[in-house]
Amino acid sequence: MILRGNGASLELTGLYSTQLSAFSVNFLWAPIVDRWSLNHLGLRRSWILLAQVASTTVLAAMAFLNPKTNLVAIFLVSLTLATVAATQRIATLGYIAEALDSNERPLGAALLGWEAT
């Protein structure tokens, strides 16, 4: 609605839905998140912290973009944000898998709003 109100074509508006494809292909980088720790915080918490810092940075950058003149930049920033969010989902679900017993995992994942995997 905001894009159309700022003169974006239907084609461009439809393209914006592809940014959520990061959640569909996050299995491609999930092995990296599951194997490499970024610092001394531990495997999962280091990725969660990085994702939080990256999300804040990306959202701050988006705040400076004008939807009337920077539609492509907003798309790229939105795609980056979706990728960061998908990465955080990987790390958070991995943390749940480590922290909870096997019979508690479905409830823990459900409380996060994601399917238990």
PDB file of N, CA and C in Angstrom:
ATOM      1  N   MET A   1       0.827  -1.170   0.000  1.00  0.00           N
ATOM      2  CA  MET A   1       0.000   0.000   0.000  1.00  0.00           C
ATOM      3  C   MET A   1       0.887   1.254   0.000  1.00  0.00           C
ATOM      4  N   ILE A   2       1.923   1.250   0.805  1.00  0.00           N
ATOM      5  CA  ILE A   2       2.832   2.400   0.852  1.00  0.00           C
ATOM      6  C   ILE A   2       3.562   2.536  -0.467  1.00  0.00           C
ATOM      7  N   LEU A   3       3.994   1.416  -1.037  1.00  0.00           N
ATOM      8  CA  LEU A   3       4.696   1.471  -2.314  1.00  0.00           C
ATOM      9  C   LEU A   3       3.789   2.015  -3.414  1.00  0.00           C
ATOM     10  N   ARG A   4       2.589   1.488  -3.492  1.00  0.00           N
ATOM     11  CA  ARG A   4       1.649   1.955  -4.526  1.00  0.00           C
ATOM     12  C   ARG A   4       1.311   3.424  -4.325  1.00  0.00           C
ATOM     13  N   GLY A   5       1.168   3.850  -3.074  1.00  0.00           N
ATOM     14  CA  GLY A   5       0.882   5.250  -2.778  1.00  0.00           C
ATOM     15  C   GLY A   5       2.015   6.182  -3.169  1.00  0.00           C
ATOM     16  N   ASN A   6       3.228   5.623  -3.270  1.00  0.00           N
ATOM     17  CA  ASN A   6       4.380   6.419  -3.675  1.00  0.00           C
ATOM     18  C   ASN A   6       4.745   6.218  -5.132  1.00  0.00           C
ATOM     19  N   GLY A   7       3.832   5.644  -5.909  1.00  0.00           N
ATOM     20  CA  GLY A   7       4.013   5.562  -7.352  1.00  0.00           C
ATOM     21  C   GLY A   7       4.693   4.309  -7.859  1.00  0.00           C
ATOM     22  N   ALA A   8       4.865   3.298  -7.031  1.00  0.00           N
ATOM     23  CA  ALA A   8       5.499   2.054  -7.484  1.00  0.00           C
ATOM     24  C   ALA A   8       4.541   1.280  -8.375  1.00  0.00           C
ATOM     25  N   SER A   9       5.095   0.641  -9.391  1.00  0.00           N
ATOM     26  CA  SER A   9       4.273  -0.161 -10.292  1.00  0.00           C
ATOM     27  C   SER A   9       3.841  -1.450  -9.596  1.00  0.00           C
ATOM     28  N   LEU A  10       2.834  -2.097 -10.171  1.00  0.00           N
ATOM     29  CA  LEU A  10       2.382  -3.380  -9.622  1.00  0.00           C
ATOM     30  C   LEU A  10       3.485  -4.425  -9.699  1.00  0.00           C
ATOM     31  N   GLU A  11       4.291  -4.371 -10.765  1.00  0.00           N
ATOM     32  CA  GLU A  11       5.386  -5.320 -10.922  1.00  0.00           C
ATOM     33  C   GLU A  11       6.399  -5.169  -9.786  1.00  0.00           C
ATOM     34  N   LEU A  12       6.763  -3.923  -9.482  1.00  0.00           N
ATOM     35  CA  LEU A  12       7.720  -3.665  -8.412  1.00  0.00           C
ATOM     36  C   LEU A  12       7.138  -4.057  -7.058  1.00  0.00           C
ATOM     37  N   THR A  13       5.881  -3.782  -6.861  1.00  0.00           N
ATOM     38  CA  THR A  13       5.220  -4.158  -5.616  1.00  0.00           C
ATOM     39  C   THR A  13       5.219  -5.678  -5.466  1.00  0.00           C
ATOM     40  N   GLY A  14       4.975  -6.399  -6.535  1.00  0.00           N
ATOM     41  CA  GLY A  14       5.027  -7.859  -6.504  1.00  0.00           C
ATOM     42  C   GLY A  14       6.424  -8.378  -6.242  1.00  0.00           C
ATOM     43  N   LEU A  15       7.434  -7.680  -6.751  1.00  0.00           N
ATOM     44  CA  LEU A  15       8.816  -8.081  -6.522  1.00  0.00           C
ATOM     45  C   LEU A  15       9.174  -8.032  -5.041  1.00  0.00           C
ATOM     46  N   TYR A  16       8.570  -7.129  -4.314  1.00  0.00           N
ATOM     47  CA  TYR A  16       8.871  -6.992  -2.896  1.00  0.00           C
ATOM     48  C   TYR A  16       8.519  -8.250  -2.101  1.00  0.00           C
ATOM     49  N   SER A  17       7.575  -9.038  -2.566  1.00  0.00           N
ATOM     50  CA  SER A  17       7.225 -10.264  -1.851  1.00  0.00           C
ATOM     51  C   SER A  17       8.351 -11.292  -1.917  1.00  0.00           C
ATOM     52  N   THR A  18       9.249 -11.163  -2.873  1.00  0.00           N
ATOM     53  CA  THR A  18      10.355 -12.118  -2.984  1.00  0.00           C
ATOM     54  C   THR A  18      11.383 -11.945  -1.869  1.00  0.00           C
ATOM     55  N   GLN A  19      11.342 -10.827  -1.164  1.00  0.00           N
ATOM     56  CA  GLN A  19      12.310 -10.638  -0.093  1.00  0.00           C
ATOM     57  C   GLN A  19      12.154 -11.680   1.006  1.00  0.00           C
ATOM     58  N   LEU A  20      10.952 -12.195   1.183  1.00  0.00           N
ATOM     59  CA  LEU A  20      10.725 -13.198   2.213  1.00  0.00           C
ATOM     60  C   LEU A  20      11.225 -14.577   1.798  1.00  0.00           C
ATOM     61  N   SER A  21      11.742 -14.686   0.579  1.00  0.00           N
ATOM     62  CA  SER A  21      12.304 -15.966   0.144  1.00  0.00           C
ATOM     63  C   SER A  21      13.521 -16.347   0.974  1.00  0.00           C
ATOM     64  N   ALA A  22      14.090 -15.404   1.714  1.00  0.00           N
ATOM     65  CA  ALA A  22      15.213 -15.720   2.601  1.00  0.00           C
ATOM     66  C   ALA A  22      14.816 -16.793   3.609  1.00  0.00           C
ATOM     67  N   PHE A  23      13.573 -16.805   4.030  1.00  0.00           N
ATOM     68  CA  PHE A  23      13.109 -17.821   4.968  1.00  0.00           C
ATOM     69  C   PHE A  23      12.965 -19.180   4.292  1.00  0.00           C
ATOM     70  N   SER A  24      12.786 -19.193   2.978  1.00  0.00           N
ATOM     71  CA  SER A  24      12.652 -20.457   2.251  1.00  0.00           C
ATOM     72  C   SER A  24      13.993 -21.089   1.921  1.00  0.00           C
ATOM     73  N   VAL A  25      15.016 -20.273   1.792  1.00  0.00           N
ATOM     74  CA  VAL A  25      16.330 -20.798   1.396  1.00  0.00           C
ATOM     75  C   VAL A  25      17.359 -20.714   2.523  1.00  0.00           C
ATOM     76  N   ASN A  26      16.897 -20.440   3.744  1.00  0.00           N
ATOM     77  CA  ASN A  26      17.864 -20.315   4.841  1.00  0.00           C
ATOM     78  C   ASN A  26      18.559 -21.632   5.161  1.00  0.00           C
ATOM     79  N   PHE A  27      18.057 -22.737   4.634  1.00  0.00           N
ATOM     80  CA  PHE A  27      18.751 -24.007   4.821  1.00  0.00           C
ATOM     81  C   PHE A  27      20.138 -23.978   4.171  1.00  0.00           C
ATOM     82  N   LEU A  28      20.350 -23.055   3.241  1.00  0.00           N
ATOM     83  CA  LEU A  28      21.647 -22.970   2.571  1.00  0.00           C
ATOM     84  C   LEU A  28      22.753 -22.497   3.515  1.00  0.00           C
ATOM     85  N   TRP A  29      22.444 -21.592   4.442  1.00  0.00           N
ATOM     86  CA  TRP A  29      23.464 -21.114   5.374  1.00  0.00           C
ATOM     87  C   TRP A  29      23.251 -21.611   6.804  1.00  0.00           C
ATOM     88  N   ALA A  30      22.233 -22.422   7.019  1.00  0.00           N
ATOM     89  CA  ALA A  30      22.001 -22.992   8.354  1.00  0.00           C
ATOM     90  C   ALA A  30      23.185 -23.830   8.846  1.00  0.00           C
ATOM     91  N   PRO A  31      23.847 -24.619   7.989  1.00  0.00           N
ATOM     92  CA  PRO A  31      25.005 -25.376   8.483  1.00  0.00           C
ATOM     93  C   PRO A  31      26.127 -24.476   9.019  1.00  0.00           C
ATOM     94  N   ILE A  32      26.280 -23.309   8.450  1.00  0.00           N
ATOM     95  CA  ILE A  32      27.306 -22.377   8.942  1.00  0.00           C
ATOM     96  C   ILE A  32      26.926 -21.881  10.333  1.00  0.00           C
ATOM     97  N   VAL A  33      25.665 -21.514  10.495  1.00  0.00           N
ATOM     98  CA  VAL A  33      25.186 -21.021  11.795  1.00  0.00           C
ATOM     99  C   VAL A  33      25.272 -22.137  12.837  1.00  0.00           C
ATOM    100  N   ASP A  34      25.021 -23.362  12.426  1.00  0.00           N
ATOM    101  CA  ASP A  34      25.033 -24.484  13.359  1.00  0.00           C
ATOM    102  C   ASP A  34      26.432 -24.967  13.731  1.00  0.00           C
ATOM    103  N   ARG A  35      27.454 -24.569  12.991  1.00  0.00           N
ATOM    104  CA  ARG A  35      28.791 -25.098  13.252  1.00  0.00           C
ATOM    105  C   ARG A  35      29.801 -24.082  13.755  1.00  0.00           C
ATOM    106  N   TRP A  36      29.663 -22.816  13.393  1.00  0.00           N
ATOM    107  CA  TRP A  36      30.705 -21.842  13.709  1.00  0.00           C
ATOM    108  C   TRP A  36      30.239 -20.830  14.735  1.00  0.00           C
ATOM    109  N   SER A  37      30.984 -20.718  15.791  1.00  0.00           N
ATOM    110  CA  SER A  37      30.733 -19.700  16.809  1.00  0.00           C
ATOM    111  C   SER A  37      31.496 -18.441  16.409  1.00  0.00           C
ATOM    112  N   LEU A  38      30.904 -17.298  16.631  1.00  0.00           N
ATOM    113  CA  LEU A  38      31.535 -16.040  16.227  1.00  0.00           C
ATOM    114  C   LEU A  38      32.401 -15.431  17.322  1.00  0.00           C
ATOM    115  N   ASN A  39      32.155 -15.807  18.576  1.00  0.00           N
ATOM    116  CA  ASN A  39      32.935 -15.264  19.685  1.00  0.00           C
ATOM    117  C   ASN A  39      32.794 -16.177  20.899  1.00  0.00           C
ATOM    118  N   HIS A  40      33.187 -15.696  22.039  1.00  0.00           N
ATOM    119  CA  HIS A  40      33.185 -16.506  23.250  1.00  0.00           C
ATOM    120  C   HIS A  40      31.800 -16.680  23.883  1.00  0.00           C
ATOM    121  N   LEU A  41      30.771 -16.066  23.330  1.00  0.00           N
ATOM    122  CA  LEU A  41      29.427 -16.202  23.886  1.00  0.00           C
ATOM    123  C   LEU A  41      28.835 -17.586  23.660  1.00  0.00           C
ATOM    124  N   GLY A  42      29.365 -18.293  22.721  1.00  0.00           N
ATOM    125  CA  GLY A  42      28.838 -19.617  22.400  1.00  0.00           C
ATOM    126  C   GLY A  42      28.262 -19.643  21.006  1.00  0.00           C
ATOM    127  N   LEU A  43      27.993 -20.837  20.558  1.00  0.00           N
ATOM    128  CA  LEU A  43      27.557 -21.053  19.177  1.00  0.00           C
ATOM    129  C   LEU A  43      26.283 -20.290  18.834  1.00  0.00           C
ATOM    130  N   ARG A  44      25.239 -20.472  19.581  1.00  0.00           N
ATOM    131  CA  ARG A  44      23.952 -19.854  19.237  1.00  0.00           C
ATOM    132  C   ARG A  44      23.878 -18.389  19.636  1.00  0.00           C
ATOM    133  N   ARG A  45      24.304 -18.105  20.858  1.00  0.00           N
ATOM    134  CA  ARG A  45      24.169 -16.732  21.357  1.00  0.00           C
ATOM    135  C   ARG A  45      24.992 -15.741  20.543  1.00  0.00           C
ATOM    136  N   SER A  46      26.114 -16.151  20.002  1.00  0.00           N
ATOM    137  CA  SER A  46      26.906 -15.233  19.189  1.00  0.00           C
ATOM    138  C   SER A  46      26.165 -14.849  17.907  1.00  0.00           C
ATOM    139  N   TRP A  47      25.485 -15.809  17.293  1.00  0.00           N
ATOM    140  CA  TRP A  47      24.709 -15.514  16.086  1.00  0.00           C
ATOM    141  C   TRP A  47      23.482 -14.665  16.402  1.00  0.00           C
ATOM    142  N   ILE A  48      22.841 -14.940  17.547  1.00  0.00           N
ATOM    143  CA  ILE A  48      21.668 -14.159  17.941  1.00  0.00           C
ATOM    144  C   ILE A  48      22.071 -12.711  18.193  1.00  0.00           C
ATOM    145  N   LEU A  49      23.184 -12.503  18.883  1.00  0.00           N
ATOM    146  CA  LEU A  49      23.672 -11.143  19.133  1.00  0.00           C
ATOM    147  C   LEU A  49      24.020 -10.435  17.831  1.00  0.00           C
ATOM    148  N   LEU A  50      24.711 -11.120  16.935  1.00  0.00           N
ATOM    149  CA  LEU A  50      25.040 -10.531  15.635  1.00  0.00           C
ATOM    150  C   LEU A  50      23.775 -10.153  14.872  1.00  0.00           C
ATOM    151  N   ALA A  51      22.773 -11.020  14.900  1.00  0.00           N
ATOM    152  CA  ALA A  51      21.522 -10.747  14.190  1.00  0.00           C
ATOM    153  C   ALA A  51      20.815  -9.533  14.783  1.00  0.00           C
ATOM    154  N   GLN A  52      20.850  -9.382  16.085  1.00  0.00           N
ATOM    155  CA  GLN A  52      20.215  -8.226  16.723  1.00  0.00           C
ATOM    156  C   GLN A  52      20.926  -6.928  16.330  1.00  0.00           C
ATOM    157  N   VAL A  53      22.243  -6.943  16.354  1.00  0.00           N
ATOM    158  CA  VAL A  53      23.008  -5.753  15.964  1.00  0.00           C
ATOM    159  C   VAL A  53      22.778  -5.440  14.486  1.00  0.00           C
ATOM    160  N   ALA A  54      22.779  -6.469  13.654  1.00  0.00           N
ATOM    161  CA  ALA A  54      22.549  -6.264  12.220  1.00  0.00           C
ATOM    162  C   ALA A  54      21.137  -5.741  11.955  1.00  0.00           C
ATOM    163  N   SER A  55      20.152  -6.267  12.657  1.00  0.00           N
ATOM    164  CA  SER A  55      18.771  -5.793  12.486  1.00  0.00           C
ATOM    165  C   SER A  55      18.650  -4.318  12.840  1.00  0.00           C
ATOM    166  N   THR A  56      19.263  -3.943  13.942  1.00  0.00           N
ATOM    167  CA  THR A  56      19.220  -2.538  14.362  1.00  0.00           C
ATOM    168  C   THR A  56      19.881  -1.648  13.324  1.00  0.00           C
ATOM    169  N   THR A  57      21.014  -2.081  12.807  1.00  0.00           N
ATOM    170  CA  THR A  57      21.739  -1.306  11.806  1.00  0.00           C
ATOM    171  C   THR A  57      20.935  -1.173  10.512  1.00  0.00           C
ATOM    172  N   VAL A  58      20.351  -2.277  10.071  1.00  0.00           N
ATOM    173  CA  VAL A  58      19.570  -2.268   8.831  1.00  0.00           C
ATOM    174  C   VAL A  58      18.329  -1.394   8.982  1.00  0.00           C
ATOM    175  N   LEU A  59      17.658  -1.489  10.115  1.00  0.00           N
ATOM    176  CA  LEU A  59      16.465  -0.661  10.331  1.00  0.00           C
ATOM    177  C   LEU A  59      16.832   0.823  10.414  1.00  0.00           C
ATOM    178  N   ALA A  60      17.966   1.129  11.013  1.00  0.00           N
ATOM    179  CA  ALA A  60      18.415   2.525  11.061  1.00  0.00           C
ATOM    180  C   ALA A  60      18.716   3.036   9.652  1.00  0.00           C
ATOM    181  N   ALA A  61      19.333   2.216   8.829  1.00  0.00           N
ATOM    182  CA  ALA A  61      19.611   2.612   7.444  1.00  0.00           C
ATOM    183  C   ALA A  61      18.312   2.821   6.671  1.00  0.00           C
ATOM    184  N   MET A  62      17.334   1.954   6.908  1.00  0.00           N
ATOM    185  CA  MET A  62      16.052   2.073   6.210  1.00  0.00           C
ATOM    186  C   MET A  62      15.332   3.372   6.579  1.00  0.00           C
ATOM    187  N   ALA A  63      15.522   3.833   7.794  1.00  0.00           N
ATOM    188  CA  ALA A  63      14.850   5.057   8.245  1.00  0.00           C
ATOM    189  C   ALA A  63      15.266   6.276   7.429  1.00  0.00           C
ATOM    190  N   PHE A  64      16.430   6.205   6.823  1.00  0.00           N
ATOM    191  CA  PHE A  64      16.928   7.342   6.040  1.00  0.00           C
ATOM    192  C   PHE A  64      16.566   7.265   4.563  1.00  0.00           C
ATOM    193  N   LEU A  65      15.857   6.228   4.155  1.00  0.00           N
ATOM    194  CA  LEU A  65      15.490   6.071   2.754  1.00  0.00           C
ATOM    195  C   LEU A  65      14.105   6.646   2.489  1.00  0.00           C
ATOM    196  N   ASN A  66      13.973   7.284   1.357  1.00  0.00           N
ATOM    197  CA  ASN A  66      12.706   7.875   0.949  1.00  0.00           C
ATOM    198  C   ASN A  66      12.002   6.909  -0.003  1.00  0.00           C
ATOM    199  N   PRO A  67      10.799   6.449   0.334  1.00  0.00           N
ATOM    200  CA  PRO A  67      10.114   5.500  -0.535  1.00  0.00           C
ATOM    201  C   PRO A  67       9.764   6.059  -1.911  1.00  0.00           C
ATOM    202  N   LYS A  68       9.731   7.353  -2.055  1.00  0.00           N
ATOM    203  CA  LYS A  68       9.417   7.941  -3.365  1.00  0.00           C
ATOM    204  C   LYS A  68      10.604   7.879  -4.311  1.00  0.00           C
ATOM    205  N   THR A  69      11.809   7.924  -3.783  1.00  0.00           N
ATOM    206  CA  THR A  69      12.985   8.003  -4.651  1.00  0.00           C
ATOM    207  C   THR A  69      13.934   6.815  -4.517  1.00  0.00           C
ATOM    208  N   ASN A  70      13.799   6.019  -3.490  1.00  0.00           N
ATOM    209  CA  ASN A  70      14.748   4.936  -3.225  1.00  0.00           C
ATOM    210  C   ASN A  70      14.077   3.568  -3.167  1.00  0.00           C
ATOM    211  N   LEU A  71      13.215   3.263  -4.114  1.00  0.00           N
ATOM    212  CA  LEU A  71      12.482   2.000  -4.066  1.00  0.00           C
ATOM    213  C   LEU A  71      13.413   0.797  -4.166  1.00  0.00           C
ATOM    214  N   VAL A  72      14.409   0.865  -5.012  1.00  0.00           N
ATOM    215  CA  VAL A  72      15.341  -0.256  -5.160  1.00  0.00           C
ATOM    216  C   VAL A  72      16.168  -0.418  -3.888  1.00  0.00           C
ATOM    217  N   ALA A  73      16.639   0.688  -3.324  1.00  0.00           N
ATOM    218  CA  ALA A  73      17.415   0.626  -2.083  1.00  0.00           C
ATOM    219  C   ALA A  73      16.576   0.062  -0.945  1.00  0.00           C
ATOM    220  N   ILE A  74      15.330   0.448  -0.867  1.00  0.00           N
ATOM    221  CA  ILE A  74      14.446  -0.081   0.179  1.00  0.00           C
ATOM    222  C   ILE A  74      14.245  -1.579  -0.018  1.00  0.00           C
ATOM    223  N   PHE A  75      14.110  -2.015  -1.259  1.00  0.00           N
ATOM    224  CA  PHE A  75      13.993  -3.446  -1.532  1.00  0.00           C
ATOM    225  C   PHE A  75      15.238  -4.196  -1.057  1.00  0.00           C
ATOM    226  N   LEU A  76      16.414  -3.681  -1.382  1.00  0.00           N
ATOM    227  CA  LEU A  76      17.659  -4.342  -0.996  1.00  0.00           C
ATOM    228  C   LEU A  76      17.838  -4.373   0.520  1.00  0.00           C
ATOM    229  N   VAL A  77      17.484  -3.282   1.172  1.00  0.00           N
ATOM    230  CA  VAL A  77      17.570  -3.239   2.630  1.00  0.00           C
ATOM    231  C   VAL A  77      16.555  -4.203   3.245  1.00  0.00           C
ATOM    232  N   SER A  78      15.372  -4.286   2.671  1.00  0.00           N
ATOM    233  CA  SER A  78      14.356  -5.222   3.168  1.00  0.00           C
ATOM    234  C   SER A  78      14.798  -6.669   2.977  1.00  0.00           C
ATOM    235  N   LEU A  79      15.444  -6.945   1.848  1.00  0.00           N
ATOM    236  CA  LEU A  79      15.971  -8.278   1.608  1.00  0.00           C
ATOM    237  C   LEU A  79      17.060  -8.622   2.622  1.00  0.00           C
ATOM    238  N   THR A  80      17.901  -7.655   2.931  1.00  0.00           N
ATOM    239  CA  THR A  80      18.937  -7.852   3.951  1.00  0.00           C
ATOM    240  C   THR A  80      18.311  -8.117   5.308  1.00  0.00           C
ATOM    241  N   LEU A  81      17.292  -7.354   5.650  1.00  0.00           N
ATOM    242  CA  LEU A  81      16.617  -7.543   6.935  1.00  0.00           C
ATOM    243  C   LEU A  81      15.966  -8.927   7.021  1.00  0.00           C
ATOM    244  N   ALA A  82      15.358  -9.378   5.947  1.00  0.00           N
ATOM    245  CA  ALA A  82      14.744 -10.707   5.938  1.00  0.00           C
ATOM    246  C   ALA A  82      15.807 -11.794   6.091  1.00  0.00           C
ATOM    247  N   THR A  83      16.961 -11.600   5.481  1.00  0.00           N
ATOM    248  CA  THR A  83      18.058 -12.561   5.601  1.00  0.00           C
ATOM    249  C   THR A  83      18.582 -12.612   7.034  1.00  0.00           C
ATOM    250  N   VAL A  84      18.717 -11.445   7.652  1.00  0.00           N
ATOM    251  CA  VAL A  84      19.157 -11.382   9.048  1.00  0.00           C
ATOM    252  C   VAL A  84      18.122 -12.052   9.953  1.00  0.00           C
ATOM    253  N   ALA A  85      16.849 -11.802   9.705  1.00  0.00           N
ATOM    254  CA  ALA A  85      15.790 -12.411  10.516  1.00  0.00           C
ATOM    255  C   ALA A  85      15.772 -13.929  10.350  1.00  0.00           C
ATOM    256  N   ALA A  86      15.985 -14.403   9.138  1.00  0.00           N
ATOM    257  CA  ALA A  86      16.032 -15.846   8.907  1.00  0.00           C
ATOM    258  C   ALA A  86      17.230 -16.472   9.622  1.00  0.00           C
ATOM    259  N   THR A  87      18.339 -15.757   9.633  1.00  0.00           N
ATOM    260  CA  THR A  87      19.526 -16.244  10.342  1.00  0.00           C
ATOM    261  C   THR A  87      19.267 -16.297  11.844  1.00  0.00           C
ATOM    262  N   GLN A  88      18.598 -15.289  12.368  1.00  0.00           N
ATOM    263  CA  GLN A  88      18.272 -15.294  13.789  1.00  0.00           C
ATOM    264  C   GLN A  88      17.325 -16.445  14.115  1.00  0.00           C
ATOM    265  N   ARG A  89      16.421 -16.744  13.225  1.00  0.00           N
ATOM    266  CA  ARG A  89      15.497 -17.865  13.436  1.00  0.00           C
ATOM    267  C   ARG A  89      16.265 -19.169  13.534  1.00  0.00           C
ATOM    268  N   ILE A  90      17.251 -19.357  12.665  1.00  0.00           N
ATOM    269  CA  ILE A  90      18.080 -20.565  12.711  1.00  0.00           C
ATOM    270  C   ILE A  90      18.760 -20.681  14.070  1.00  0.00           C
ATOM    271  N   ALA A  91      19.385 -19.599  14.493  1.00  0.00           N
ATOM    272  CA  ALA A  91      20.127 -19.621  15.755  1.00  0.00           C
ATOM    273  C   ALA A  91      19.201 -19.811  16.952  1.00  0.00           C
ATOM    274  N   THR A  92      18.053 -19.170  16.931  1.00  0.00           N
ATOM    275  CA  THR A  92      17.120 -19.275  18.053  1.00  0.00           C
ATOM    276  C   THR A  92      16.538 -20.685  18.161  1.00  0.00           C
ATOM    277  N   LEU A  93      16.143 -21.252  17.044  1.00  0.00           N
ATOM    278  CA  LEU A  93      15.626 -22.624  17.081  1.00  0.00           C
ATOM    279  C   LEU A  93      16.714 -23.615  17.478  1.00  0.00           C
ATOM    280  N   GLY A  94      17.947 -23.358  17.064  1.00  0.00           N
ATOM    281  CA  GLY A  94      19.051 -24.198  17.505  1.00  0.00           C
ATOM    282  C   GLY A  94      19.283 -24.083  18.998  1.00  0.00           C
ATOM    283  N   TYR A  95      19.151 -22.878  19.514  1.00  0.00           N
ATOM    284  CA  TYR A  95      19.296 -22.659  20.956  1.00  0.00           C
ATOM    285  C   TYR A  95      18.206 -23.403  21.728  1.00  0.00           C
ATOM    286  N   ILE A  96      16.987 -23.375  21.198  1.00  0.00           N
ATOM    287  CA  ILE A  96      15.886 -24.112  21.819  1.00  0.00           C
ATOM    288  C   ILE A  96      16.194 -25.603  21.818  1.00  0.00           C
ATOM    289  N   ALA A  97      16.703 -26.110  20.705  1.00  0.00           N
ATOM    290  CA  ALA A  97      17.011 -27.531  20.604  1.00  0.00           C
ATOM    291  C   ALA A  97      18.071 -27.944  21.619  1.00  0.00           C
ATOM    292  N   GLU A  98      19.020 -27.052  21.908  1.00  0.00           N
ATOM    293  CA  GLU A  98      20.061 -27.354  22.886  1.00  0.00           C
ATOM    294  C   GLU A  98      19.565 -27.195  24.315  1.00  0.00           C
ATOM    295  N   ALA A  99      18.772 -26.177  24.577  1.00  0.00           N
ATOM    296  CA  ALA A  99      18.408 -25.821  25.946  1.00  0.00           C
ATOM    297  C   ALA A  99      17.252 -26.648  26.504  1.00  0.00           C
ATOM    298  N   LEU A 100      16.360 -27.103  25.655  1.00  0.00           N
ATOM    299  CA  LEU A 100      15.171 -27.815  26.138  1.00  0.00           C
ATOM    300  C   LEU A 100      15.314 -29.317  25.946  1.00  0.00           C
ATOM    301  N   ASP A 101      14.652 -30.057  26.792  1.00  0.00           N
ATOM    302  CA  ASP A 101      14.571 -31.503  26.606  1.00  0.00           C
ATOM    303  C   ASP A 101      13.721 -31.788  25.371  1.00  0.00           C
ATOM    304  N   SER A 102      13.862 -32.988  24.838  1.00  0.00           N
ATOM    305  CA  SER A 102      13.161 -33.306  23.593  1.00  0.00           C
ATOM    306  C   SER A 102      11.643 -33.186  23.724  1.00  0.00           C
ATOM    307  N   ASN A 103      11.091 -33.470  24.899  1.00  0.00           N
ATOM    308  CA  ASN A 103       9.638 -33.353  25.058  1.00  0.00           C
ATOM    309  C   ASN A 103       9.191 -31.904  25.256  1.00  0.00           C
ATOM    310  N   GLU A 104      10.111 -30.978  25.536  1.00  0.00           N
ATOM    311  CA  GLU A 104       9.774 -29.562  25.714  1.00  0.00           C
ATOM    312  C   GLU A 104       9.968 -28.747  24.431  1.00  0.00           C
ATOM    313  N   ARG A 105      10.684 -29.296  23.465  1.00  0.00           N
ATOM    314  CA  ARG A 105      11.012 -28.547  22.247  1.00  0.00           C
ATOM    315  C   ARG A 105       9.795 -28.079  21.447  1.00  0.00           C
ATOM    316  N   PRO A 106       8.779 -28.923  21.233  1.00  0.00           N
ATOM    317  CA  PRO A 106       7.622 -28.442  20.472  1.00  0.00           C
ATOM    318  C   PRO A 106       6.953 -27.232  21.123  1.00  0.00           C
ATOM    319  N   LEU A 107       6.798 -27.261  22.432  1.00  0.00           N
ATOM    320  CA  LEU A 107       6.181 -26.133  23.125  1.00  0.00           C
ATOM    321  C   LEU A 107       7.074 -24.896  23.040  1.00  0.00           C
ATOM    322  N   GLY A 108       8.376 -25.079  23.211  1.00  0.00           N
ATOM    323  CA  GLY A 108       9.300 -23.955  23.116  1.00  0.00           C
ATOM    324  C   GLY A 108       9.270 -23.311  21.746  1.00  0.00           C
ATOM    325  N   ALA A 109       9.248 -24.124  20.709  1.00  0.00           N
ATOM    326  CA  ALA A 109       9.178 -23.593  19.349  1.00  0.00           C
ATOM    327  C   ALA A 109       7.829 -22.932  19.090  1.00  0.00           C
ATOM    328  N   ALA A 110       6.758 -23.522  19.612  1.00  0.00           N
ATOM    329  CA  ALA A 110       5.422 -22.937  19.424  1.00  0.00           C
ATOM    330  C   ALA A 110       5.320 -21.582  20.113  1.00  0.00           C
ATOM    331  N   LEU A 111       5.943 -21.453  21.274  1.00  0.00           N
ATOM    332  CA  LEU A 111       5.901 -20.166  21.973  1.00  0.00           C
ATOM    333  C   LEU A 111       6.646 -19.084  21.215  1.00  0.00           C
ATOM    334  N   LEU A 112       7.607 -19.472  20.404  1.00  0.00           N
ATOM    335  CA  LEU A 112       8.304 -18.510  19.541  1.00  0.00           C
ATOM    336  C   LEU A 112       7.511 -18.194  18.280  1.00  0.00           C
ATOM    337  N   GLY A 113       6.479 -18.962  18.008  1.00  0.00           N
ATOM    338  CA  GLY A 113       5.658 -18.700  16.834  1.00  0.00           C
ATOM    339  C   GLY A 113       6.156 -19.397  15.593  1.00  0.00           C
ATOM    340  N   TRP A 114       7.056 -20.348  15.758  1.00  0.00           N
ATOM    341  CA  TRP A 114       7.576 -21.088  14.606  1.00  0.00           C
ATOM    342  C   TRP A 114       7.272 -22.556  14.787  1.00  0.00           C
ATOM    343  N   GLU A 115       7.237 -23.260  13.687  1.00  0.00           N
ATOM    344  CA  GLU A 115       6.967 -24.685  13.764  1.00  0.00           C
ATOM    345  C   GLU A 115       8.148 -25.412  14.396  1.00  0.00           C
ATOM    346  N   ALA A 116       7.856 -26.463  15.096  1.00  0.00           N
ATOM    347  CA  ALA A 116       8.905 -27.268  15.715  1.00  0.00           C
ATOM    348  C   ALA A 116       9.569 -28.107  14.632  1.00  0.00           C
ATOM    349  N   THR A 117      10.873 -27.997  14.543  1.00  0.00           N
ATOM    350  CA  THR A 117      11.598 -28.771  13.532  1.00  0.00           C
ATOM    351  C   THR A 117      12.625 -29.653  14.172  1.00  0.00           C
TER     352      THR A 117
END
